[in-house]
PDB file of N, CA and C in Angstrom:
ATOM      1  N   MET A   1      12.830 -12.863  -3.854  1.00  0.00           N
ATOM      2  CA  MET A   1      11.879 -12.587  -4.910  1.00  0.00           C
ATOM      3  C   MET A   1      12.589 -12.333  -6.236  1.00  0.00           C
ATOM      4  N   ALA A   2      13.759 -11.718  -6.173  1.00  0.00           N
ATOM      5  CA  ALA A   2      14.483 -11.450  -7.418  1.00  0.00           C
ATOM      6  C   ALA A   2      14.818 -12.754  -8.132  1.00  0.00           C
ATOM      7  N   GLN A   3      15.104 -13.801  -7.381  1.00  0.00           N
ATOM      8  CA  GLN A   3      15.436 -15.092  -7.996  1.00  0.00           C
ATOM      9  C   GLN A   3      14.225 -15.710  -8.690  1.00  0.00           C
ATOM     10  N   ARG A   4      13.024 -15.459  -8.157  1.00  0.00           N
ATOM     11  CA  ARG A   4      11.806 -15.992  -8.780  1.00  0.00           C
ATOM     12  C   ARG A   4      11.364 -15.173  -9.978  1.00  0.00           C
ATOM     13  N   GLY A   5      11.807 -13.912 -10.071  1.00  0.00           N
ATOM     14  CA  GLY A   5      11.549 -13.136 -11.267  1.00  0.00           C
ATOM     15  C   GLY A   5      10.572 -11.983 -11.202  1.00  0.00           C
ATOM     16  N   PRO A   6       9.740 -11.802 -10.159  1.00  0.00           N
ATOM     17  CA  PRO A   6       8.794 -10.691 -10.204  1.00  0.00           C
ATOM     18  C   PRO A   6       9.425  -9.318  -9.948  1.00  0.00           C
ATOM     19  N   VAL A   7      10.604  -9.306  -9.342  1.00  0.00           N
ATOM     20  CA  VAL A   7      11.313  -8.050  -9.117  1.00  0.00           C
ATOM     21  C   VAL A   7      12.767  -8.216  -9.518  1.00  0.00           C
ATOM     22  N   GLU A   8      13.415  -7.077  -9.727  1.00  0.00           N
ATOM     23  CA  GLU A   8      14.850  -7.101  -9.986  1.00  0.00           C
ATOM     24  C   GLU A   8      15.506  -6.017  -9.143  1.00  0.00           C
ATOM     25  N   ARG A   9      16.709  -6.287  -8.693  1.00  0.00           N
ATOM     26  CA  ARG A   9      17.450  -5.289  -7.934  1.00  0.00           C
ATOM     27  C   ARG A   9      17.973  -4.229  -8.887  1.00  0.00           C
ATOM     28  N   VAL A  10      17.975  -3.001  -8.412  1.00  0.00           N
ATOM     29  CA  VAL A  10      18.546  -1.887  -9.166  1.00  0.00           C
ATOM     30  C   VAL A  10      19.529  -1.159  -8.259  1.00  0.00           C
ATOM     31  N   GLU A  11      20.382  -0.379  -8.864  1.00  0.00           N
ATOM     32  CA  GLU A  11      21.400   0.330  -8.101  1.00  0.00           C
ATOM     33  C   GLU A  11      20.747   1.208  -7.035  1.00  0.00           C
ATOM     34  N   SER A  12      21.328   1.187  -5.833  1.00  0.00           N
ATOM     35  CA  SER A  12      20.775   1.925  -4.707  1.00  0.00           C
ATOM     36  C   SER A  12      21.789   2.912  -4.175  1.00  0.00           C
ATOM     37  N   ASN A  13      21.307   4.030  -3.706  1.00  0.00           N
ATOM     38  CA  ASN A  13      22.165   5.020  -3.055  1.00  0.00           C
ATOM     39  C   ASN A  13      22.304   4.747  -1.566  1.00  0.00           C
ATOM     40  N   ASP A  14      21.546   3.797  -1.062  1.00  0.00           N
ATOM     41  CA  ASP A  14      21.529   3.480   0.368  1.00  0.00           C
ATOM     42  C   ASP A  14      21.947   2.026   0.552  1.00  0.00           C
ATOM     43  N   ARG A  15      23.071   1.799   1.159  1.00  0.00           N
ATOM     44  CA  ARG A  15      23.582   0.430   1.335  1.00  0.00           C
ATOM     45  C   ARG A  15      22.774  -0.379   2.343  1.00  0.00           C
ATOM     46  N   ARG A  16      21.963   0.280   3.159  1.00  0.00           N
ATOM     47  CA  ARG A  16      21.206  -0.441   4.190  1.00  0.00           C
ATOM     48  C   ARG A  16      20.094  -1.305   3.615  1.00  0.00           C
ATOM     49  N   CYS A  17      19.597  -0.938   2.452  1.00  0.00           N
ATOM     50  CA  CYS A  17      18.515  -1.727   1.858  1.00  0.00           C
ATOM     51  C   CYS A  17      18.586  -1.613   0.341  1.00  0.00           C
ATOM     52  N   PRO A  18      18.295  -2.701  -0.349  1.00  0.00           N
ATOM     53  CA  PRO A  18      18.364  -2.667  -1.812  1.00  0.00           C
ATOM     54  C   PRO A  18      17.131  -1.987  -2.403  1.00  0.00           C
ATOM     55  N   ASP A  19      17.303  -1.409  -3.558  1.00  0.00           N
ATOM     56  CA  ASP A  19      16.164  -0.904  -4.322  1.00  0.00           C
ATOM     57  C   ASP A  19      15.772  -1.991  -5.318  1.00  0.00           C
ATOM     58  N   VAL A  20      14.490  -2.146  -5.508  1.00  0.00           N
ATOM     59  CA  VAL A  20      13.987  -3.138  -6.461  1.00  0.00           C
ATOM     60  C   VAL A  20      12.916  -2.488  -7.322  1.00  0.00           C
ATOM     61  N   ARG A  21      12.645  -3.101  -8.458  1.00  0.00           N
ATOM     62  CA  ARG A  21      11.536  -2.664  -9.303  1.00  0.00           C
ATOM     63  C   ARG A  21      10.854  -3.896  -9.871  1.00  0.00           C
ATOM     64  N   LEU A  22       9.582  -3.727 -10.178  1.00  0.00           N
ATOM     65  CA  LEU A  22       8.811  -4.819 -10.762  1.00  0.00           C
ATOM     66  C   LEU A  22       9.295  -5.106 -12.171  1.00  0.00           C
ATOM     67  N   THR A  23       9.343  -6.377 -12.502  1.00  0.00           N
ATOM     68  CA  THR A  23       9.633  -6.796 -13.867  1.00  0.00           C
ATOM     69  C   THR A  23       8.304  -6.987 -14.594  1.00  0.00           C
ATOM     70  N   ASP A  24       8.374  -7.313 -15.876  1.00  0.00           N
ATOM     71  CA  ASP A  24       7.141  -7.624 -16.608  1.00  0.00           C
ATOM     72  C   ASP A  24       6.412  -8.790 -15.955  1.00  0.00           C
ATOM     73  N   LYS A  25       7.166  -9.767 -15.456  1.00  0.00           N
ATOM     74  CA  LYS A  25       6.563 -10.906 -14.766  1.00  0.00           C
ATOM     75  C   LYS A  25       5.851 -10.443 -13.496  1.00  0.00           C
ATOM     76  N   GLY A  26       6.442  -9.490 -12.790  1.00  0.00           N
ATOM     77  CA  GLY A  26       5.826  -8.948 -11.585  1.00  0.00           C
ATOM     78  C   GLY A  26       4.539  -8.208 -11.880  1.00  0.00           C
ATOM     79  N   TYR A  27       4.567  -7.366 -12.911  1.00  0.00           N
ATOM     80  CA  TYR A  27       3.352  -6.649 -13.310  1.00  0.00           C
ATOM     81  C   TYR A  27       2.256  -7.627 -13.721  1.00  0.00           C
ATOM     82  N   ALA A  28       2.624  -8.664 -14.436  1.00  0.00           N
ATOM     83  CA  ALA A  28       1.631  -9.657 -14.869  1.00  0.00           C
ATOM     84  C   ALA A  28       1.003 -10.349 -13.670  1.00  0.00           C
ATOM     85  N   ALA A  29       1.820 -10.677 -12.672  1.00  0.00           N
ATOM     86  CA  ALA A  29       1.301 -11.341 -11.467  1.00  0.00           C
ATOM     87  C   ALA A  29       0.325 -10.431 -10.725  1.00  0.00           C
ATOM     88  N   ILE A  30       0.666  -9.162 -10.608  1.00  0.00           N
ATOM     89  CA  ILE A  30      -0.228  -8.222  -9.924  1.00  0.00           C
ATOM     90  C   ILE A  30      -1.526  -8.065 -10.701  1.00  0.00           C
ATOM     91  N   ASN A  31      -1.420  -7.859 -12.009  1.00  0.00           N
ATOM     92  CA  ASN A  31      -2.628  -7.690 -12.824  1.00  0.00           C
ATOM     93  C   ASN A  31      -3.530  -8.913 -12.784  1.00  0.00           C
ATOM     94  N   LYS A  32      -2.943 -10.079 -12.641  1.00  0.00           N
ATOM     95  CA  LYS A  32      -3.727 -11.307 -12.568  1.00  0.00           C
ATOM     96  C   LYS A  32      -4.520 -11.387 -11.262  1.00  0.00           C
ATOM     97  N   THR A  33      -3.951 -10.885 -10.162  1.00  0.00           N
ATOM     98  CA  THR A  33      -4.594 -11.015  -8.849  1.00  0.00           C
ATOM     99  C   THR A  33      -5.501  -9.853  -8.488  1.00  0.00           C
ATOM    100  N   VAL A  34      -5.399  -8.735  -9.185  1.00  0.00           N
ATOM    101  CA  VAL A  34      -6.176  -7.547  -8.824  1.00  0.00           C
ATOM    102  C   VAL A  34      -7.683  -7.798  -8.781  1.00  0.00           C
ATOM    103  N   PRO A  35      -8.295  -8.385  -9.787  1.00  0.00           N
ATOM    104  CA  PRO A  35      -9.760  -8.571  -9.720  1.00  0.00           C
ATOM    105  C   PRO A  35     -10.199  -9.405  -8.514  1.00  0.00           C
ATOM    106  N   GLU A  36      -9.513 -10.504  -8.249  1.00  0.00           N
ATOM    107  CA  GLU A  36      -9.883 -11.355  -7.115  1.00  0.00           C
ATOM    108  C   GLU A  36      -9.660 -10.617  -5.793  1.00  0.00           C
ATOM    109  N   HIS A  37      -8.550  -9.910  -5.687  1.00  0.00           N
ATOM    110  CA  HIS A  37      -8.250  -9.175  -4.461  1.00  0.00           C
ATOM    111  C   HIS A  37      -9.285  -8.068  -4.231  1.00  0.00           C
ATOM    112  N   THR A  38      -9.631  -7.355  -5.283  1.00  0.00           N
ATOM    113  CA  THR A  38     -10.616  -6.283  -5.175  1.00  0.00           C
ATOM    114  C   THR A  38     -11.960  -6.832  -4.728  1.00  0.00           C
ATOM    115  N   GLU A  39     -12.349  -7.938  -5.292  1.00  0.00           N
ATOM    116  CA  GLU A  39     -13.614  -8.574  -4.915  1.00  0.00           C
ATOM    117  C   GLU A  39     -13.605  -8.981  -3.442  1.00  0.00           C
ATOM    118  N   MET A  40     -12.482  -9.529  -2.978  1.00  0.00           N
ATOM    119  CA  MET A  40     -12.384  -9.965  -1.588  1.00  0.00           C
ATOM    120  C   MET A  40     -12.433  -8.770  -0.627  1.00  0.00           C
ATOM    121  N   VAL A  41     -11.701  -7.714  -0.950  1.00  0.00           N
ATOM    122  CA  VAL A  41     -11.716  -6.516  -0.103  1.00  0.00           C
ATOM    123  C   VAL A  41     -13.128  -5.948  -0.028  1.00  0.00           C
ATOM    124  N   HIS A  42     -13.803  -5.920  -1.149  1.00  0.00           N
ATOM    125  CA  HIS A  42     -15.169  -5.397  -1.170  1.00  0.00           C
ATOM    126  C   HIS A  42     -16.072  -6.256  -0.288  1.00  0.00           C
ATOM    127  N   ALA A  43     -15.991  -7.566  -0.443  1.00  0.00           N
ATOM    128  CA  ALA A  43     -16.871  -8.466   0.309  1.00  0.00           C
ATOM    129  C   ALA A  43     -16.574  -8.458   1.808  1.00  0.00           C
ATOM    130  N   LEU A  44     -15.307  -8.397   2.192  1.00  0.00           N
ATOM    131  CA  LEU A  44     -14.939  -8.513   3.601  1.00  0.00           C
ATOM    132  C   LEU A  44     -14.806  -7.172   4.315  1.00  0.00           C
ATOM    133  N   PHE A  45     -14.811  -6.084   3.589  1.00  0.00           N
ATOM    134  CA  PHE A  45     -14.587  -4.786   4.217  1.00  0.00           C
ATOM    135  C   PHE A  45     -15.693  -3.798   3.850  1.00  0.00           C
ATOM    136  N   VAL A  46     -15.815  -3.483   2.582  1.00  0.00           N
ATOM    137  CA  VAL A  46     -16.766  -2.468   2.140  1.00  0.00           C
ATOM    138  C   VAL A  46     -18.199  -2.909   2.422  1.00  0.00           C
ATOM    139  N   ASP A  47     -18.548  -4.122   2.033  1.00  0.00           N
ATOM    140  CA  ASP A  47     -19.910  -4.605   2.251  1.00  0.00           C
ATOM    141  C   ASP A  47     -20.229  -4.750   3.735  1.00  0.00           C
ATOM    142  N   VAL A  48     -19.249  -5.126   4.532  1.00  0.00           N
ATOM    143  CA  VAL A  48     -19.472  -5.314   5.969  1.00  0.00           C
ATOM    144  C   VAL A  48     -19.715  -3.969   6.656  1.00  0.00           C
ATOM    145  N   LEU A  49     -18.926  -2.970   6.325  1.00  0.00           N
ATOM    146  CA  LEU A  49     -19.080  -1.670   6.980  1.00  0.00           C
ATOM    147  C   LEU A  49     -20.289  -0.894   6.490  1.00  0.00           C
ATOM    148  N   GLY A  50     -20.578  -0.974   5.218  1.00  0.00           N
ATOM    149  CA  GLY A  50     -21.676  -0.191   4.670  1.00  0.00           C
ATOM    150  C   GLY A  50     -21.270   1.266   4.495  1.00  0.00           C
ATOM    151  N   PRO A  51     -22.087   2.035   3.799  1.00  0.00           N
ATOM    152  CA  PRO A  51     -21.712   3.400   3.426  1.00  0.00           C
ATOM    153  C   PRO A  51     -21.477   4.345   4.613  1.00  0.00           C
ATOM    154  N   GLU A  52     -22.340   4.299   5.623  1.00  0.00           N
ATOM    155  CA  GLU A  52     -22.202   5.240   6.739  1.00  0.00           C
ATOM    156  C   GLU A  52     -20.939   4.965   7.555  1.00  0.00           C
ATOM    157  N   ARG A  53     -20.729   3.710   7.931  1.00  0.00           N
ATOM    158  CA  ARG A  53     -19.544   3.395   8.731  1.00  0.00           C
ATOM    159  C   ARG A  53     -18.272   3.546   7.898  1.00  0.00           C
ATOM    160  N   LEU A  54     -18.349   3.263   6.618  1.00  0.00           N
ATOM    161  CA  LEU A  54     -17.193   3.448   5.746  1.00  0.00           C
ATOM    162  C   LEU A  54     -16.817   4.932   5.670  1.00  0.00           C
ATOM    163  N   ALA A  55     -17.807   5.806   5.600  1.00  0.00           N
ATOM    164  CA  ALA A  55     -17.541   7.252   5.593  1.00  0.00           C
ATOM    165  C   ALA A  55     -16.896   7.671   6.911  1.00  0.00           C
ATOM    166  N   GLY A  56     -17.376   7.133   8.032  1.00  0.00           N
ATOM    167  CA  GLY A  56     -16.772   7.430   9.335  1.00  0.00           C
ATOM    168  C   GLY A  56     -15.348   6.931   9.423  1.00  0.00           C
ATOM    169  N   PHE A  57     -15.112   5.762   8.873  1.00  0.00           N
ATOM    170  CA  PHE A  57     -13.752   5.198   8.859  1.00  0.00           C
ATOM    171  C   PHE A  57     -12.829   6.076   8.010  1.00  0.00           C
ATOM    172  N   ALA A  58     -13.326   6.525   6.876  1.00  0.00           N
ATOM    173  CA  ALA A  58     -12.529   7.398   6.009  1.00  0.00           C
ATOM    174  C   ALA A  58     -12.178   8.692   6.736  1.00  0.00           C
ATOM    175  N   GLN A  59     -13.136   9.248   7.483  1.00  0.00           N
ATOM    176  CA  GLN A  59     -12.873  10.474   8.236  1.00  0.00           C
ATOM    177  C   GLN A  59     -11.851  10.212   9.341  1.00  0.00           C
ATOM    178  N   ALA A  60     -11.953   9.079  10.021  1.00  0.00           N
ATOM    179  CA  ALA A  60     -10.992   8.731  11.071  1.00  0.00           C
ATOM    180  C   ALA A  60      -9.591   8.596  10.481  1.00  0.00           C
ATOM    181  N   CYS A  61      -9.468   7.965   9.331  1.00  0.00           N
ATOM    182  CA  CYS A  61      -8.162   7.829   8.678  1.00  0.00           C
ATOM    183  C   CYS A  61      -7.605   9.195   8.300  1.00  0.00           C
ATOM    184  N   ALA A  62      -8.448  10.069   7.795  1.00  0.00           N
ATOM    185  CA  ALA A  62      -8.009  11.416   7.424  1.00  0.00           C
ATOM    186  C   ALA A  62      -7.524  12.171   8.661  1.00  0.00           C
ATOM    187  N   ASP A  63      -8.203  12.005   9.786  1.00  0.00           N
ATOM    188  CA  ASP A  63      -7.789  12.658  11.032  1.00  0.00           C
ATOM    189  C   ASP A  63      -6.426  12.158  11.490  1.00  0.00           C
ATOM    190  N   VAL A  64      -6.208  10.854  11.397  1.00  0.00           N
ATOM    191  CA  VAL A  64      -4.923  10.277  11.799  1.00  0.00           C
ATOM    192  C   VAL A  64      -3.810  10.779  10.876  1.00  0.00           C
ATOM    193  N   LEU A  65      -4.059  10.800   9.579  1.00  0.00           N
ATOM    194  CA  LEU A  65      -3.048  11.292   8.640  1.00  0.00           C
ATOM    195  C   LEU A  65      -2.716  12.763   8.893  1.00  0.00           C
ATOM    196  N   ARG A  66      -3.725  13.552   9.203  1.00  0.00           N
ATOM    197  CA  ARG A  66      -3.491  14.967   9.503  1.00  0.00           C
ATOM    198  C   ARG A  66      -2.634  15.101  10.769  1.00  0.00           C
ATOM    199  N   ALA A  67      -2.923  14.306  11.788  1.00  0.00           N
ATOM    200  CA  ALA A  67      -2.136  14.343  13.023  1.00  0.00           C
ATOM    201  C   ALA A  67      -0.693  13.916  12.757  1.00  0.00           C
ATOM    202  N   LEU A  68      -0.492  12.916  11.927  1.00  0.00           N
ATOM    203  CA  LEU A  68       0.867  12.488  11.581  1.00  0.00           C
ATOM    204  C   LEU A  68       1.618  13.591  10.843  1.00  0.00           C
ATOM    205  N   ASP A  69       0.947  14.252   9.912  1.00  0.00           N
ATOM    206  CA  ASP A  69       1.582  15.361   9.189  1.00  0.00           C
ATOM    207  C   ASP A  69       1.973  16.484  10.143  1.00  0.00           C
ATOM    208  N   GLU A  70       1.090  16.828  11.066  1.00  0.00           N
ATOM    209  CA  GLU A  70       1.386  17.881  12.030  1.00  0.00           C
ATOM    210  C   GLU A  70       2.567  17.488  12.918  1.00  0.00           C
ATOM    211  N   HIS A  71       2.607  16.234  13.324  1.00  0.00           N
ATOM    212  CA  HIS A  71       3.716  15.753  14.149  1.00  0.00           C
ATOM    213  C   HIS A  71       5.035  15.860  13.391  1.00  0.00           C
ATOM    214  N   ARG A  72       5.031  15.435  12.142  1.00  0.00           N
ATOM    215  CA  ARG A  72       6.254  15.505  11.320  1.00  0.00           C
ATOM    216  C   ARG A  72       6.717  16.941  11.145  1.00  0.00           C
ATOM    217  N   GLU A  73       5.769  17.861  10.953  1.00  0.00           N
ATOM    218  CA  GLU A  73       6.135  19.261  10.780  1.00  0.00           C
ATOM    219  C   GLU A  73       6.792  19.820  12.042  1.00  0.00           C
ATOM    220  N   ARG A  74       6.295  19.418  13.209  1.00  0.00           N
ATOM    221  CA  ARG A  74       6.850  19.914  14.479  1.00  0.00           C
ATOM    222  C   ARG A  74       8.142  19.236  14.841  1.00  0.00           C
ATOM    223  N   ASP A  75       8.159  17.906  14.767  1.00  0.00           N
ATOM    224  CA  ASP A  75       9.269  17.131  15.320  1.00  0.00           C
ATOM    225  C   ASP A  75      10.218  16.548  14.284  1.00  0.00           C
ATOM    226  N   ARG A  76       9.827  16.579  13.017  1.00  0.00           N
ATOM    227  CA  ARG A  76      10.653  16.002  11.942  1.00  0.00           C
ATOM    228  C   ARG A  76      11.004  14.540  12.197  1.00  0.00           C
ATOM    229  N   SER A  77      10.136  13.844  12.886  1.00  0.00           N
ATOM    230  CA  SER A  77      10.381  12.430  13.152  1.00  0.00           C
ATOM    231  C   SER A  77       9.065  11.689  13.187  1.00  0.00           C
ATOM    232  N   LEU A  78       9.186  10.398  13.153  1.00  0.00           N
ATOM    233  CA  LEU A  78       8.035   9.531  13.331  1.00  0.00           C
ATOM    234  C   LEU A  78       8.446   8.316  14.076  1.00  0.00           C
TER     235      LEU A  78
END
């Protein structure tokens, strides 16, 4: 991706993986796709689930995140 221009490598403290950041070209690409992506997510996810099931899904996600946090606090691992 760095060769195509949307990201650039930056100095990393971890040799196992490079750090990258978005370039102006990368930000432009994201901003260009956001409206279409948002519309698609709404049509294929939000509209399909509807308000009640979406609220239930949000609660289920919150429960999973809480369980993950509790696990990390106890075991310091994931």
